[in-house]
Protein backbone atom coordinates (compact mmCIF):
# COMPACT_ATOMS: atom_id res chain seq x y z
CA PRO A 1 105.28 8.16 77.89
CA GLU A 2 107.28 11.37 77.63
CA GLU A 3 106.87 11.62 73.84
CA ALA A 4 103.09 11.84 74.31
CA ARG A 5 103.25 14.54 77.00
CA GLU A 6 102.05 17.33 74.73
CA LEU A 7 99.08 15.28 73.57
CA ILE A 8 98.24 14.27 77.14
CA LEU A 9 98.16 17.95 78.14
CA LEU A 10 95.87 18.74 75.19
CA ALA A 11 93.46 15.88 75.99
CA PRO A 12 91.06 17.83 78.28
CA LEU A 13 90.73 20.58 75.65
CA ILE A 14 90.12 17.99 72.91
CA PHE A 15 87.46 16.25 75.01
CA ASP A 16 85.69 19.54 75.79
CA LYS A 17 85.61 20.60 72.15
CA ALA A 18 84.45 17.16 70.98
CA ARG A 19 81.68 17.17 73.59
CA PHE A 20 80.62 20.64 72.45
CA LEU A 21 80.52 19.56 68.79
CA LEU A 22 78.47 16.46 69.50
CA GLU A 23 76.10 17.46 72.29
CA ASN A 24 73.60 19.40 70.16
CA ASP A 25 74.15 17.63 66.88
CA LEU A 26 71.52 15.44 65.27
CA ILE A 27 73.74 12.42 64.81
CA ARG A 28 72.44 9.75 62.47
CA PRO A 29 73.71 6.55 64.12
CA SER A 30 74.98 3.88 61.77
CA ILE A 31 76.94 0.67 61.76
CA LEU A 32 80.25 1.86 60.36
CA HIS A 33 82.90 0.03 58.39
CA GLY A 34 85.60 1.70 60.46
CA ASN A 35 88.35 1.45 57.86
CA LEU A 36 86.61 2.21 54.58
CA SER A 37 88.72 2.56 51.44
CA PRO A 38 88.55 1.36 47.84
CA GLN A 39 91.06 -1.36 48.74
CA ARG A 40 88.45 -2.79 51.10
CA THR A 41 85.76 -3.21 48.46
CA ALA A 42 85.04 -5.87 45.88
CA VAL A 43 82.82 -5.79 42.79
CA VAL A 44 81.35 -9.11 41.69
CA LYS A 45 79.58 -9.43 38.33
CA TRP A 46 77.76 -12.47 36.98
CA GLN A 47 75.12 -13.48 34.46
CA ARG A 48 71.78 -14.99 35.38
CA ASN A 49 68.98 -15.54 32.88
CA ASP A 50 70.59 -13.22 30.31
CA GLN A 51 70.82 -10.47 32.90
CA GLU A 52 74.12 -9.06 34.16
CA LEU A 53 74.12 -8.64 37.92
CA THR A 54 76.59 -6.57 39.92
CA ARG A 55 77.14 -6.53 43.66
CA ILE A 56 79.54 -4.44 45.68
CA TYR A 57 80.96 -5.91 48.88
CA LEU A 58 82.85 -4.26 51.71
CA THR A 59 85.71 -6.27 53.17
CA GLY A 60 88.06 -6.01 56.16
CA PRO A 61 85.80 -4.05 58.49
CA SER A 62 86.64 -2.72 61.94
CA SER A 63 82.97 -2.13 62.54
CA PHE A 64 81.49 -0.04 65.29
CA TYR A 65 78.35 1.98 65.92
CA GLY A 66 78.66 5.73 65.47
CA ASP A 67 77.97 8.87 63.49
CA SER A 68 77.21 8.21 59.81
CA GLU A 69 79.77 10.91 58.95
CA PHE A 70 82.70 8.97 60.41
CA ASP A 71 83.49 6.69 57.45
CA MET A 72 83.34 9.66 55.07
CA ALA A 73 85.62 11.81 57.26
CA PHE A 74 88.60 10.63 55.23
CA GLU A 75 87.30 11.91 51.89
CA ASP A 76 90.02 14.59 51.72
CA TRP A 77 92.68 12.56 53.57
CA PRO A 78 96.13 12.64 51.91
CA LEU A 79 96.72 9.27 50.28
CA PRO A 80 99.99 7.49 49.64
CA GLU A 81 100.76 7.04 45.95
CA THR A 82 100.04 3.32 46.27
CA ARG A 83 96.44 3.91 47.35
CA THR A 84 93.48 5.03 45.31
CA ASP A 85 90.48 7.04 46.42
CA PHE A 86 86.80 6.49 45.75
CA SER A 87 85.51 8.19 42.62
CA PRO A 88 83.56 11.45 42.74
CA PHE A 89 80.53 9.35 41.70
CA PHE A 90 80.85 7.33 44.93
CA TYR A 91 80.80 10.47 47.09
CA ARG A 92 77.90 12.04 45.16
CA ALA A 93 75.88 8.82 45.53
CA TYR A 94 76.68 8.59 49.25
CA TYR A 95 75.75 12.21 49.97
CA SER A 96 72.56 11.94 47.92
CA THR A 97 71.50 9.25 50.43
CA ILE A 98 72.86 10.83 53.63
CA GLU A 99 73.35 14.58 53.35
CA ARG A 100 76.12 16.45 55.10
CA ARG A 101 74.90 18.20 58.22
CA PRO A 102 75.84 21.73 59.28
CA GLY A 103 79.18 21.64 61.11
CA HIS A 104 80.38 18.72 58.96
CA ALA A 105 83.89 20.15 58.38
CA LYS A 106 84.74 20.47 62.09
CA ARG A 107 83.33 17.02 62.91
CA ARG A 108 85.33 15.58 60.00
CA GLN A 109 88.47 17.03 61.56
CA MET A 110 87.49 15.52 64.91
CA TYR A 111 86.98 12.07 63.35
CA GLN A 112 90.34 12.34 61.59
CA LEU A 113 91.92 13.21 64.94
CA PHE A 114 90.23 10.16 66.49
CA HIS A 115 91.85 7.97 63.81
CA LEU A 116 95.28 9.51 64.44
CA LEU A 117 94.92 9.17 68.22
CA ASN A 118 94.03 5.51 67.75
CA GLY A 119 97.10 5.04 65.52
CA ALA A 120 99.31 6.92 68.02
CA LEU A 121 98.11 4.68 70.84
CA MET A 122 98.79 1.51 68.86
CA ASN A 123 101.90 2.52 66.88
CA GLY A 124 103.36 5.81 68.17
CA GLY A 125 105.92 7.35 65.81
CA THR A 126 104.55 9.41 62.93
CA TYR A 127 100.98 8.81 64.11
CA LEU A 128 101.83 10.61 67.34
CA ASP A 129 103.42 13.54 65.49
CA SER A 130 100.42 13.75 63.15
CA ALA A 131 97.97 13.52 66.06
CA VAL A 132 99.63 16.44 67.85
CA ALA A 133 99.55 18.55 64.68
CA MET A 134 95.90 17.65 64.04
CA ALA A 135 95.00 18.35 67.69
CA PHE A 136 96.29 21.91 67.35
CA ARG A 137 94.33 22.40 64.11
CA PHE A 138 91.21 20.95 65.73
CA LEU A 139 91.49 23.26 68.75
CA ALA A 140 92.15 26.40 66.68
């Protein structure tokens, strides 16, 4: 469609840069949630034999196999007022298990662009505008 023309013209440059970022990286493959947010978690507490047990569950996945950094790429994503973010404790715990790799910031931008491109494909509108803006930042 005509409204996506600019993004279509940028696509080869985006692909080349993404390939460059990923080809020599030591990706830690993981099964990803795909849409991780605090709204897609549940905490269940119960008592058993005078012991309090707590379990955390992830809900509403759009799972796929990919770079372990993908789900955390939205750590600094602007949130609507109606949405909460994970606590700093959550991020510290996550990164104490899987450390950030060199080049993390640029890959995070690439994964954010992937999300916006997906949204633009499915919904158009503001996703498309945001994807074009992010594509220019990614290519800079």
